[in-house]
Amino acid sequence: MSSKLLEGKVGVVVGVANKRSIAFAIAKAWHEAGAKLIFNYQGERLKDGVIKLVHENFGEDAPVYDLDVSSDESINAFFENVRKHTDKVDCMLHSVAFAPKEALGGGSFLETGRDAFKISLDISAYSLVALSRAVEPMMSDNGSILAMSYLGSEKVVPNYNLMGVSKAALEACTRYLAYDLGRSRGIRVNCISAGPMQTLAARGVSGFSTMFKVYEEHAPLGRSCTGEELGATGVFLASDGAAAITGQVIYVDGGYQIMGM
């Protein structure tokens, strides 16, 4: 993007996994809009790959620290590391979701196990609450917190199952956080509901690839969305231009959400 809408702002990006991830697309757009970014990786298995990806695309000096969103101790340690680089955070991206593989297959949602339910809701939804609580003391007035959702939160998407329920919880958390943080600090909290993209997370859902054809056939724009379009929306929501927008789910999906089929 040519305009530096985020010049002078500092952002925390949680959830970059690879170049095809939505978090990477939004982080790239934030970076090009002028923001300085701090990243995470989760665990030693992903450490080297994420650090290499971040340094190749955002500069060798871009900070990257370990963060396990299911652990309050890890979250607190992560933000202690963030404080080594800045005393304020202007925007934060939450792009984290997980459900055990058996809960995303072609089986029945009725068979969802208790442990799988707990894990998915904790990592996919509660983590937004925990991260928001940790970043709040550092976040500037008119700060922006952004989370990623999908249409399966409000309509049945076959095989999306437990993740749909988790995204519904995430969107509800967004609204309640928007109220709390807006009243106390003027901090905004929103979701982007993205259309299907060829990401690692999407490939983990049985039959998810068939959604591309459905979007081409039925979405008003005849397609889903691109990483660049999600990035542009992410820049807008983090910018001062969105100063009066909070508690919203913004659909970037070629218009598919409005269809009655």
Foldseek 3Di string as FASTA:
>chain_A
DQAQLQAPAEEEQEDDQDCQDLSNLQVLLNVNSHYQYAYEDEDPVRVVVVLVRCCVRRNNPHHYYYADLLDLVRLLVVVVVVVVPDQAHQEYEAEWFDFPLVQQEQDDLVPDDPVRLVVGLSTLAVSLVSNCVNRLSRYAALGEYEYEAAPLLPDPDRSRRSNNVSRVNNLVSQQVCQVVCCVPRLYAGEYEHFADDPDPVQVSHPPSVVVQCVQLVAQPQSGFADSNVSNVVSSCRSGCVCSPDHSYYHYRTSRNVVDPD
